[in-house]
Amino acid sequence: MPFLDIKSQPEISVFEGVTIRTVHGEKLMLSYVHLQPHSIVAEHSHPHEQMGMVIEGTFELTIEGESRTLNKGDTYLIPSNCIHSAKAFDDPAIALDIFSPPREDYIN
């Protein structure tokens, strides 16, 4: 199936005020992430490599203790098993995350 409609995928709440919609192939996954104002993605890690881009808004991303404020168009790379977290500011934000391999916990 070469064309996927991310808007038709179920919205999944992953943290309070943070929802995702995902599509995936055999070796990678796209996750469209919505952060509501002042929402927090708690510190966590996973074996999947993660790369992303800010689509709208601004949020703070912390990777292995280093924090940056990211704006529309900024990109990031989170290596496997690195502790990371995020927090939104006064306005909503949207990011597109890419995982390899696909996150099994987001598929089921």
PDB file of N, CA and C in Angstrom:
ATOM      1  N   MET A   1       0.850  -1.175   0.000  1.00  0.00           N
ATOM      2  CA  MET A   1       0.000   0.000   0.000  1.00  0.00           C
ATOM      3  C   MET A   1       0.900   1.245   0.000  1.00  0.00           C
ATOM      4  N   PRO A   2       1.118   1.869  -1.162  1.00  0.00           N
ATOM      5  CA  PRO A   2       2.085   2.964  -1.249  1.00  0.00           C
ATOM      6  C   PRO A   2       1.577   4.318  -0.739  1.00  0.00           C
ATOM      7  N   PHE A   3       0.268   4.503  -0.584  1.00  0.00           N
ATOM      8  CA  PHE A   3      -0.265   5.784  -0.132  1.00  0.00           C
ATOM      9  C   PHE A   3      -1.021   5.571   1.169  1.00  0.00           C
ATOM     10  N   LEU A   4      -0.621   6.323   2.186  1.00  0.00           N
ATOM     11  CA  LEU A   4      -1.213   6.177   3.507  1.00  0.00           C
ATOM     12  C   LEU A   4      -1.833   7.500   3.931  1.00  0.00           C
ATOM     13  N   ASP A   5      -2.969   7.446   4.612  1.00  0.00           N
ATOM     14  CA  ASP A   5      -3.656   8.651   5.069  1.00  0.00           C
ATOM     15  C   ASP A   5      -3.520   8.755   6.578  1.00  0.00           C
ATOM     16  N   ILE A   6      -2.599   9.589   7.038  1.00  0.00           N
ATOM     17  CA  ILE A   6      -2.356   9.707   8.476  1.00  0.00           C
ATOM     18  C   ILE A   6      -3.571  10.291   9.204  1.00  0.00           C
ATOM     19  N   LYS A   7      -4.372  11.097   8.513  1.00  0.00           N
ATOM     20  CA  LYS A   7      -5.566  11.685   9.139  1.00  0.00           C
ATOM     21  C   LYS A   7      -6.610  10.633   9.485  1.00  0.00           C
ATOM     22  N   SER A   8      -6.572   9.485   8.795  1.00  0.00           N
ATOM     23  CA  SER A   8      -7.548   8.431   9.072  1.00  0.00           C
ATOM     24  C   SER A   8      -7.097   7.492  10.191  1.00  0.00           C
ATOM     25  N   GLN A   9      -5.869   7.666  10.679  1.00  0.00           N
ATOM     26  CA  GLN A   9      -5.348   6.820  11.751  1.00  0.00           C
ATOM     27  C   GLN A   9      -5.897   7.289  13.094  1.00  0.00           C
ATOM     28  N   PRO A  10      -6.081   6.369  14.031  1.00  0.00           N
ATOM     29  CA  PRO A  10      -6.598   6.777  15.340  1.00  0.00           C
ATOM     30  C   PRO A  10      -5.615   7.683  16.073  1.00  0.00           C
ATOM     31  N   GLU A  11      -6.157   8.620  16.811  1.00  0.00           N
ATOM     32  CA  GLU A  11      -5.339   9.501  17.638  1.00  0.00           C
ATOM     33  C   GLU A  11      -5.084   8.789  18.964  1.00  0.00           C
ATOM     34  N   ILE A  12      -3.816   8.715  19.362  1.00  0.00           N
ATOM     35  CA  ILE A  12      -3.416   8.002  20.574  1.00  0.00           C
ATOM     36  C   ILE A  12      -2.854   9.013  21.566  1.00  0.00           C
ATOM     37  N   SER A  13      -3.331   8.980  22.802  1.00  0.00           N
ATOM     38  CA  SER A  13      -2.792   9.835  23.843  1.00  0.00           C
ATOM     39  C   SER A  13      -1.580   9.128  24.445  1.00  0.00           C
ATOM     40  N   VAL A  14      -0.406   9.788  24.403  1.00  0.00           N
ATOM     41  CA  VAL A  14       0.812   9.174  24.918  1.00  0.00           C
ATOM     42  C   VAL A  14       1.260   9.815  26.233  1.00  0.00           C
ATOM     43  N   PHE A  15       0.890  11.064  26.463  1.00  0.00           N
ATOM     44  CA  PHE A  15       1.090  11.784  27.720  1.00  0.00           C
ATOM     45  C   PHE A  15      -0.070  12.767  27.820  1.00  0.00           C
ATOM     46  N   GLU A  16      -0.336  13.283  28.996  1.00  0.00           N
ATOM     47  CA  GLU A  16      -1.420  14.249  29.137  1.00  0.00           C
ATOM     48  C   GLU A  16      -1.152  15.454  28.240  1.00  0.00           C
ATOM     49  N   GLY A  17      -2.092  15.729  27.313  1.00  0.00           N
ATOM     50  CA  GLY A  17      -1.950  16.845  26.394  1.00  0.00           C
ATOM     51  C   GLY A  17      -1.092  16.562  25.177  1.00  0.00           C
ATOM     52  N   VAL A  18      -0.654  15.299  25.007  1.00  0.00           N
ATOM     53  CA  VAL A  18       0.197  14.930  23.870  1.00  0.00           C
ATOM     54  C   VAL A  18      -0.451  13.749  23.150  1.00  0.00           C
ATOM     55  N   THR A  19      -0.773  13.953  21.873  1.00  0.00           N
ATOM     56  CA  THR A  19      -1.375  12.882  21.082  1.00  0.00           C
ATOM     57  C   THR A  19      -0.560  12.647  19.822  1.00  0.00           C
ATOM     58  N   ILE A  20      -0.684  11.428  19.292  1.00  0.00           N
ATOM     59  CA  ILE A  20       0.020  11.069  18.060  1.00  0.00           C
ATOM     60  C   ILE A  20      -0.929  10.354  17.104  1.00  0.00           C
ATOM     61  N   ARG A  21      -0.584  10.407  15.840  1.00  0.00           N
ATOM     62  CA  ARG A  21      -1.163   9.571  14.787  1.00  0.00           C
ATOM     63  C   ARG A  21       0.030   8.980  14.057  1.00  0.00           C
ATOM     64  N   THR A  22       0.002   7.691  13.773  1.00  0.00           N
ATOM     65  CA  THR A  22       1.162   7.055  13.158  1.00  0.00           C
ATOM     66  C   THR A  22       0.792   6.275  11.899  1.00  0.00           C
ATOM     67  N   VAL A  23       1.791   6.152  11.033  1.00  0.00           N
ATOM     68  CA  VAL A  23       1.751   5.221   9.899  1.00  0.00           C
ATOM     69  C   VAL A  23       3.123   4.568   9.870  1.00  0.00           C
ATOM     70  N   HIS A  24       3.167   3.343   9.348  1.00  0.00           N
ATOM     71  CA  HIS A  24       4.456   2.653   9.354  1.00  0.00           C
ATOM     72  C   HIS A  24       4.573   1.679   8.200  1.00  0.00           C
ATOM     73  N   GLY A  25       5.810   1.413   7.876  1.00  0.00           N
ATOM     74  CA  GLY A  25       6.158   0.372   6.928  1.00  0.00           C
ATOM     75  C   GLY A  25       6.870  -0.725   7.696  1.00  0.00           C
ATOM     76  N   GLU A  26       7.651  -1.506   6.993  1.00  0.00           N
ATOM     77  CA  GLU A  26       8.370  -2.611   7.628  1.00  0.00           C
ATOM     78  C   GLU A  26       9.515  -2.121   8.510  1.00  0.00           C
ATOM     79  N   LYS A  27      10.203  -1.047   8.087  1.00  0.00           N
ATOM     80  CA  LYS A  27      11.418  -0.628   8.791  1.00  0.00           C
ATOM     81  C   LYS A  27      11.374   0.779   9.370  1.00  0.00           C
ATOM     82  N   LEU A  28      10.301   1.540   9.144  1.00  0.00           N
ATOM     83  CA  LEU A  28      10.231   2.866   9.727  1.00  0.00           C
ATOM     84  C   LEU A  28       8.800   3.268  10.016  1.00  0.00           C
ATOM     85  N   MET A  29       8.679   4.292  10.867  1.00  0.00           N
ATOM     86  CA  MET A  29       7.371   4.779  11.302  1.00  0.00           C
ATOM     87  C   MET A  29       7.399   6.303  11.323  1.00  0.00           C
ATOM     88  N   LEU A  30       6.310   6.908  10.863  1.00  0.00           N
ATOM     89  CA  LEU A  30       6.101   8.343  11.006  1.00  0.00           C
ATOM     90  C   LEU A  30       5.082   8.554  12.120  1.00  0.00           C
ATOM     91  N   SER A  31       5.354   9.514  12.976  1.00  0.00           N
ATOM     92  CA  SER A  31       4.452   9.847  14.069  1.00  0.00           C
ATOM     93  C   SER A  31       4.201  11.351  14.040  1.00  0.00           C
ATOM     94  N   TYR A  32       2.964  11.729  13.831  1.00  0.00           N
ATOM     95  CA  TYR A  32       2.543  13.127  13.798  1.00  0.00           C
ATOM     96  C   TYR A  32       2.143  13.487  15.217  1.00  0.00           C
ATOM     97  N   VAL A  33       2.910  14.331  15.895  1.00  0.00           N
ATOM     98  CA  VAL A  33       2.767  14.591  17.325  1.00  0.00           C
ATOM     99  C   VAL A  33       2.154  15.969  17.564  1.00  0.00           C
ATOM    100  N   HIS A  34       1.063  16.006  18.348  1.00  0.00           N
ATOM    101  CA  HIS A  34       0.424  17.264  18.744  1.00  0.00           C
ATOM    102  C   HIS A  34       0.690  17.493  20.221  1.00  0.00           C
ATOM    103  N   LEU A  35       1.316  18.622  20.538  1.00  0.00           N
ATOM    104  CA  LEU A  35       1.558  19.007  21.924  1.00  0.00           C
ATOM    105  C   LEU A  35       0.649  20.185  22.268  1.00  0.00           C
ATOM    106  N   GLN A  36      -0.213  20.010  23.250  1.00  0.00           N
ATOM    107  CA  GLN A  36      -1.062  21.096  23.708  1.00  0.00           C
ATOM    108  C   GLN A  36      -0.232  22.044  24.570  1.00  0.00           C
ATOM    109  N   PRO A  37      -0.690  23.298  24.751  1.00  0.00           N
ATOM    110  CA  PRO A  37       0.070  24.239  25.565  1.00  0.00           C
ATOM    111  C   PRO A  37       0.421  23.657  26.942  1.00  0.00           C
ATOM    112  N   HIS A  38       1.646  23.853  27.343  1.00  0.00           N
ATOM    113  CA  HIS A  38       2.179  23.438  28.648  1.00  0.00           C
ATOM    114  C   HIS A  38       2.197  21.925  28.869  1.00  0.00           C
ATOM    115  N   SER A  39       2.025  21.140  27.818  1.00  0.00           N
ATOM    116  CA  SER A  39       2.097  19.683  27.971  1.00  0.00           C
ATOM    117  C   SER A  39       3.554  19.253  28.117  1.00  0.00           C
ATOM    118  N   ILE A  40       3.733  18.085  28.714  1.00  0.00           N
ATOM    119  CA  ILE A  40       5.081  17.571  28.976  1.00  0.00           C
ATOM    120  C   ILE A  40       5.182  16.124  28.509  1.00  0.00           C
ATOM    121  N   VAL A  41       6.228  15.837  27.755  1.00  0.00           N
ATOM    122  CA  VAL A  41       6.600  14.463  27.424  1.00  0.00           C
ATOM    123  C   VAL A  41       7.649  14.087  28.466  1.00  0.00           C
ATOM    124  N   ALA A  42       7.273  13.209  29.388  1.00  0.00           N
ATOM    125  CA  ALA A  42       8.159  12.846  30.495  1.00  0.00           C
ATOM    126  C   ALA A  42       9.428  12.167  29.983  1.00  0.00           C
ATOM    127  N   GLU A  43      10.489  12.249  30.786  1.00  0.00           N
ATOM    128  CA  GLU A  43      11.746  11.580  30.435  1.00  0.00           C
ATOM    129  C   GLU A  43      11.489  10.110  30.145  1.00  0.00           C
ATOM    130  N   HIS A  44      12.078   9.643  29.059  1.00  0.00           N
ATOM    131  CA  HIS A  44      11.955   8.236  28.690  1.00  0.00           C
ATOM    132  C   HIS A  44      13.063   7.901  27.688  1.00  0.00           C
ATOM    133  N   SER A  45      13.196   6.642  27.387  1.00  0.00           N
ATOM    134  CA  SER A  45      14.114   6.178  26.348  1.00  0.00           C
ATOM    135  C   SER A  45      13.493   4.961  25.691  1.00  0.00           C
ATOM    136  N   HIS A  46      14.007   4.604  24.538  1.00  0.00           N
ATOM    137  CA  HIS A  46      13.536   3.426  23.808  1.00  0.00           C
ATOM    138  C   HIS A  46      14.661   2.980  22.873  1.00  0.00           C
ATOM    139  N   PRO A  47      14.626   1.733  22.440  1.00  0.00           N
ATOM    140  CA  PRO A  47      15.705   1.230  21.574  1.00  0.00           C
ATOM    141  C   PRO A  47      15.652   1.756  20.141  1.00  0.00           C
ATOM    142  N   HIS A  48      14.590   2.442  19.786  1.00  0.00           N
ATOM    143  CA  HIS A  48      14.404   2.935  18.421  1.00  0.00           C
ATOM    144  C   HIS A  48      15.177   4.225  18.209  1.00  0.00           C
ATOM    145  N   GLU A  49      15.817   4.364  17.052  1.00  0.00           N
ATOM    146  CA  GLU A  49      16.400   5.643  16.676  1.00  0.00           C
ATOM    147  C   GLU A  49      15.248   6.566  16.290  1.00  0.00           C
ATOM    148  N   GLN A  50      15.340   7.829  16.673  1.00  0.00           N
ATOM    149  CA  GLN A  50      14.266   8.789  16.425  1.00  0.00           C
ATOM    150  C   GLN A  50      14.847  10.058  15.823  1.00  0.00           C
ATOM    151  N   MET A  51      14.220  10.517  14.761  1.00  0.00           N
ATOM    152  CA  MET A  51      14.593  11.786  14.149  1.00  0.00           C
ATOM    153  C   MET A  51      13.301  12.562  13.944  1.00  0.00           C
ATOM    154  N   GLY A  52      13.358  13.882  14.085  1.00  0.00           N
ATOM    155  CA  GLY A  52      12.131  14.642  13.940  1.00  0.00           C
ATOM    156  C   GLY A  52      12.343  16.044  13.436  1.00  0.00           C
ATOM    157  N   MET A  53      11.208  16.708  13.168  1.00  0.00           N
ATOM    158  CA  MET A  53      11.206  18.089  12.699  1.00  0.00           C
ATOM    159  C   MET A  53       9.996  18.790  13.290  1.00  0.00           C
ATOM    160  N   VAL A  54      10.189  20.039  13.702  1.00  0.00           N
ATOM    161  CA  VAL A  54       9.082  20.851  14.189  1.00  0.00           C
ATOM    162  C   VAL A  54       8.296  21.347  12.972  1.00  0.00           C
ATOM    163  N   ILE A  55       7.005  21.044  12.971  1.00  0.00           N
ATOM    164  CA  ILE A  55       6.132  21.445  11.865  1.00  0.00           C
ATOM    165  C   ILE A  55       5.459  22.781  12.170  1.00  0.00           C
ATOM    166  N   GLU A  56       5.034  22.955  13.430  1.00  0.00           N
ATOM    167  CA  GLU A  56       4.398  24.203  13.864  1.00  0.00           C
ATOM    168  C   GLU A  56       4.748  24.458  15.311  1.00  0.00           C
ATOM    169  N   GLY A  57       4.844  25.721  15.673  1.00  0.00           N
ATOM    170  CA  GLY A  57       5.027  26.089  17.067  1.00  0.00           C
ATOM    171  C   GLY A  57       6.465  25.976  17.547  1.00  0.00           C
ATOM    172  N   THR A  58       6.583  25.957  18.866  1.00  0.00           N
ATOM    173  CA  THR A  58       7.869  25.945  19.549  1.00  0.00           C
ATOM    174  C   THR A  58       7.758  25.041  20.763  1.00  0.00           C
ATOM    175  N   PHE A  59       8.801  24.277  21.047  1.00  0.00           N
ATOM    176  CA  PHE A  59       8.855  23.500  22.280  1.00  0.00           C
ATOM    177  C   PHE A  59      10.304  23.277  22.676  1.00  0.00           C
ATOM    178  N   GLU A  60      10.485  22.898  23.927  1.00  0.00           N
ATOM    179  CA  GLU A  60      11.827  22.600  24.424  1.00  0.00           C
ATOM    180  C   GLU A  60      12.040  21.102  24.383  1.00  0.00           C
ATOM    181  N   LEU A  61      13.153  20.687  23.829  1.00  0.00           N
ATOM    182  CA  LEU A  61      13.521  19.274  23.769  1.00  0.00           C
ATOM    183  C   LEU A  61      14.813  19.090  24.542  1.00  0.00           C
ATOM    184  N   THR A  62      14.837  18.088  25.414  1.00  0.00           N
ATOM    185  CA  THR A  62      16.030  17.764  26.184  1.00  0.00           C
ATOM    186  C   THR A  62      16.474  16.359  25.794  1.00  0.00           C
ATOM    187  N   ILE A  63      17.732  16.228  25.381  1.00  0.00           N
ATOM    188  CA  ILE A  63      18.304  14.941  25.000  1.00  0.00           C
ATOM    189  C   ILE A  63      19.566  14.742  25.824  1.00  0.00           C
ATOM    190  N   GLU A  64      19.572  13.692  26.645  1.00  0.00           N
ATOM    191  CA  GLU A  64      20.728  13.391  27.496  1.00  0.00           C
ATOM    192  C   GLU A  64      21.195  14.619  28.277  1.00  0.00           C
ATOM    193  N   GLY A  65      20.232  15.376  28.832  1.00  0.00           N
ATOM    194  CA  GLY A  65      20.557  16.513  29.678  1.00  0.00           C
ATOM    195  C   GLY A  65      20.816  17.824  28.955  1.00  0.00           C
ATOM    196  N   GLU A  66      20.876  17.823  27.632  1.00  0.00           N
ATOM    197  CA  GLU A  66      21.077  19.055  26.857  1.00  0.00           C
ATOM    198  C   GLU A  66      19.736  19.535  26.318  1.00  0.00           C
ATOM    199  N   SER A  67      19.349  20.762  26.672  1.00  0.00           N
ATOM    200  CA  SER A  67      18.049  21.311  26.269  1.00  0.00           C
ATOM    201  C   SER A  67      18.203  22.377  25.203  1.00  0.00           C
ATOM    202  N   ARG A  68      17.246  22.374  24.277  1.00  0.00           N
ATOM    203  CA  ARG A  68      17.192  23.396  23.230  1.00  0.00           C
ATOM    204  C   ARG A  68      15.742  23.781  23.004  1.00  0.00           C
ATOM    205  N   THR A  69      15.517  25.044  22.715  1.00  0.00           N
ATOM    206  CA  THR A  69      14.208  25.492  22.262  1.00  0.00           C
ATOM    207  C   THR A  69      14.185  25.345  20.754  1.00  0.00           C
ATOM    208  N   LEU A  70      13.211  24.590  20.270  1.00  0.00           N
ATOM    209  CA  LEU A  70      13.103  24.305  18.840  1.00  0.00           C
ATOM    210  C   LEU A  70      11.912  25.042  18.240  1.00  0.00           C
ATOM    211  N   ASN A  71      12.094  25.541  17.039  1.00  0.00           N
ATOM    212  CA  ASN A  71      11.070  26.284  16.307  1.00  0.00           C
ATOM    213  C   ASN A  71      10.761  25.590  14.984  1.00  0.00           C
ATOM    214  N   LYS A  72       9.728  26.063  14.315  1.00  0.00           N
ATOM    215  CA  LYS A  72       9.313  25.510  13.033  1.00  0.00           C
ATOM    216  C   LYS A  72      10.516  25.325  12.110  1.00  0.00           C
ATOM    217  N   GLY A  73      10.671  24.113  11.571  1.00  0.00           N
ATOM    218  CA  GLY A  73      11.752  23.792  10.647  1.00  0.00           C
ATOM    219  C   GLY A  73      12.979  23.198  11.307  1.00  0.00           C
ATOM    220  N   ASP A  74      13.102  23.324  12.635  1.00  0.00           N
ATOM    221  CA  ASP A  74      14.250  22.736  13.323  1.00  0.00           C
ATOM    222  C   ASP A  74      14.137  21.213  13.346  1.00  0.00           C
ATOM    223  N   THR A  75      15.282  20.546  13.271  1.00  0.00           N
ATOM    224  CA  THR A  75      15.319  19.090  13.261  1.00  0.00           C
ATOM    225  C   THR A  75      16.162  18.574  14.419  1.00  0.00           C
ATOM    226  N   TYR A  76      15.980  17.300  14.736  1.00  0.00           N
ATOM    227  CA  TYR A  76      16.706  16.688  15.846  1.00  0.00           C
ATOM    228  C   TYR A  76      16.879  15.201  15.601  1.00  0.00           C
ATOM    229  N   LEU A  77      17.899  14.647  16.273  1.00  0.00           N
ATOM    230  CA  LEU A  77      18.192  13.220  16.218  1.00  0.00           C
ATOM    231  C   LEU A  77      18.343  12.718  17.640  1.00  0.00           C
ATOM    232  N   ILE A  78      17.599  11.675  17.964  1.00  0.00           N
ATOM    233  CA  ILE A  78      17.682  11.046  19.279  1.00  0.00           C
ATOM    234  C   ILE A  78      18.170   9.617  19.062  1.00  0.00           C
ATOM    235  N   PRO A  79      19.434   9.351  19.393  1.00  0.00           N
ATOM    236  CA  PRO A  79      19.959   7.993  19.208  1.00  0.00           C
ATOM    237  C   PRO A  79      19.232   6.971  20.085  1.00  0.00           C
ATOM    238  N   SER A  80      19.372   5.720  19.750  1.00  0.00           N
ATOM    239  CA  SER A  80      18.772   4.631  20.524  1.00  0.00           C
ATOM    240  C   SER A  80      19.165   4.733  21.987  1.00  0.00           C
ATOM    241  N   ASN A  81      18.201   4.472  22.860  1.00  0.00           N
ATOM    242  CA  ASN A  81      18.394   4.374  24.308  1.00  0.00           C
ATOM    243  C   ASN A  81      18.824   5.665  24.995  1.00  0.00           C
ATOM    244  N   CYS A  82      18.729   6.815  24.353  1.00  0.00           N
ATOM    245  CA  CYS A  82      19.047   8.101  24.986  1.00  0.00           C
ATOM    246  C   CYS A  82      17.826   8.616  25.741  1.00  0.00           C
ATOM    247  N   ILE A  83      18.063   9.094  26.948  1.00  0.00           N
ATOM    248  CA  ILE A  83      16.973   9.672  27.734  1.00  0.00           C
ATOM    249  C   ILE A  83      16.628  11.036  27.140  1.00  0.00           C
ATOM    250  N   HIS A  84      15.324  11.271  26.938  1.00  0.00           N
ATOM    251  CA  HIS A  84      14.876  12.529  26.367  1.00  0.00           C
ATOM    252  C   HIS A  84      13.492  12.904  26.894  1.00  0.00           C
ATOM    253  N   SER A  85      13.167  14.185  26.780  1.00  0.00           N
ATOM    254  CA  SER A  85      11.874  14.704  27.220  1.00  0.00           C
ATOM    255  C   SER A  85      11.571  15.969  26.421  1.00  0.00           C
ATOM    256  N   ALA A  86      10.336  16.446  26.550  1.00  0.00           N
ATOM    257  CA  ALA A  86       9.948  17.669  25.842  1.00  0.00           C
ATOM    258  C   ALA A  86       8.894  18.404  26.648  1.00  0.00           C
ATOM    259  N   LYS A  87       8.822  19.716  26.432  1.00  0.00           N
ATOM    260  CA  LYS A  87       7.734  20.478  27.041  1.00  0.00           C
ATOM    261  C   LYS A  87       7.319  21.597  26.110  1.00  0.00           C
ATOM    262  N   ALA A  88       6.013  21.772  26.019  1.00  0.00           N
ATOM    263  CA  ALA A  88       5.447  22.824  25.185  1.00  0.00           C
ATOM    264  C   ALA A  88       5.348  24.106  25.993  1.00  0.00           C
ATOM    265  N   PHE A  89       5.297  25.222  25.294  1.00  0.00           N
ATOM    266  CA  PHE A  89       5.178  26.527  25.930  1.00  0.00           C
ATOM    267  C   PHE A  89       3.712  26.959  25.916  1.00  0.00           C
ATOM    268  N   ASP A  90       3.435  28.236  25.692  1.00  0.00           N
ATOM    269  CA  ASP A  90       2.074  28.772  25.796  1.00  0.00           C
ATOM    270  C   ASP A  90       1.167  28.416  24.622  1.00  0.00           C
ATOM    271  N   ASP A  91       1.748  27.994  23.510  1.00  0.00           N
ATOM    272  CA  ASP A  91       0.962  27.688  22.315  1.00  0.00           C
ATOM    273  C   ASP A  91       1.131  26.223  21.945  1.00  0.00           C
ATOM    274  N   PRO A  92       0.175  25.664  21.196  1.00  0.00           N
ATOM    275  CA  PRO A  92       0.340  24.278  20.748  1.00  0.00           C
ATOM    276  C   PRO A  92       1.510  24.154  19.781  1.00  0.00           C
ATOM    277  N   ALA A  93       2.015  22.944  19.652  1.00  0.00           N
ATOM    278  CA  ALA A  93       3.104  22.657  18.719  1.00  0.00           C
ATOM    279  C   ALA A  93       2.841  21.318  18.043  1.00  0.00           C
ATOM    280  N   ILE A  94       3.420  21.163  16.854  1.00  0.00           N
ATOM    281  CA  ILE A  94       3.292  19.914  16.103  1.00  0.00           C
ATOM    282  C   ILE A  94       4.684  19.509  15.635  1.00  0.00           C
ATOM    283  N   ALA A  95       4.995  18.227  15.793  1.00  0.00           N
ATOM    284  CA  ALA A  95       6.264  17.680  15.310  1.00  0.00           C
ATOM    285  C   ALA A  95       5.981  16.438  14.483  1.00  0.00           C
ATOM    286  N   LEU A  96       6.881  16.145  13.588  1.00  0.00           N
ATOM    287  CA  LEU A  96       6.838  14.891  12.840  1.00  0.00           C
ATOM    288  C   LEU A  96       8.044  14.085  13.282  1.00  0.00           C
ATOM    289  N   ASP A  97       7.803  12.954  13.945  1.00  0.00           N
ATOM    290  CA  ASP A  97       8.876  12.071  14.389  1.00  0.00           C
ATOM    291  C   ASP A  97       8.961  10.860  13.483  1.00  0.00           C
ATOM    292  N   ILE A  98      10.168  10.405  13.255  1.00  0.00           N
ATOM    293  CA  ILE A  98      10.431   9.221  12.450  1.00  0.00           C
ATOM    294  C   ILE A  98      11.175   8.237  13.335  1.00  0.00           C
ATOM    295  N   PHE A  99      10.696   7.005  13.390  1.00  0.00           N
ATOM    296  CA  PHE A  99      11.318   5.962  14.200  1.00  0.00           C
ATOM    297  C   PHE A  99      11.784   4.820  13.315  1.00  0.00           C
ATOM    298  N   SER A 100      12.934   4.272  13.667  1.00  0.00           N
ATOM    299  CA  SER A 100      13.413   3.059  13.013  1.00  0.00           C
ATOM    300  C   SER A 100      14.043   2.172  14.075  1.00  0.00           C
ATOM    301  N   PRO A 101      13.620   0.934  14.171  1.00  0.00           N
ATOM    302  CA  PRO A 101      12.461   0.345  13.500  1.00  0.00           C
ATOM    303  C   PRO A 101      11.169   0.930  14.063  1.00  0.00           C
ATOM    304  N   PRO A 102      10.014   0.572  13.486  1.00  0.00           N
ATOM    305  CA  PRO A 102       8.742   1.059  14.007  1.00  0.00           C
ATOM    306  C   PRO A 102       8.570   0.702  15.491  1.00  0.00           C
ATOM    307  N   ARG A 103       7.922   1.583  16.225  1.00  0.00           N
ATOM    308  CA  ARG A 103       7.657   1.326  17.643  1.00  0.00           C
ATOM    309  C   ARG A 103       6.474   0.376  17.780  1.00  0.00           C
ATOM    310  N   GLU A 104       6.747  -0.785  18.304  1.00  0.00           N
ATOM    311  CA  GLU A 104       5.693  -1.804  18.457  1.00  0.00           C
ATOM    312  C   GLU A 104       4.590  -1.319  19.379  1.00  0.00           C
ATOM    313  N   ASP A 105       4.949  -0.536  20.411  1.00  0.00           N
ATOM    314  CA  ASP A 105       3.941  -0.058  21.360  1.00  0.00           C
ATOM    315  C   ASP A 105       2.978   0.933  20.730  1.00  0.00           C
ATOM    316  N   TYR A 106       3.346   1.554  19.619  1.00  0.00           N
ATOM    317  CA  TYR A 106       2.438   2.455  18.924  1.00  0.00           C
ATOM    318  C   TYR A 106       1.619   1.738  17.855  1.00  0.00           C
ATOM    319  N   ILE A 107       2.004   0.539  17.484  1.00  0.00           N
ATOM    320  CA  ILE A 107       1.279  -0.211  16.460  1.00  0.00           C
ATOM    321  C   ILE A 107       0.069  -0.918  17.076  1.00  0.00           C
ATOM    322  N   ASN A 108       0.251  -1.450  18.272  1.00  0.00           N
ATOM    323  CA  ASN A 108      -0.837  -2.236  18.894  1.00  0.00           C
ATOM    324  C   ASN A 108      -1.797  -1.388  19.656  1.00  0.00           C
TER     325      ASN A 108
END
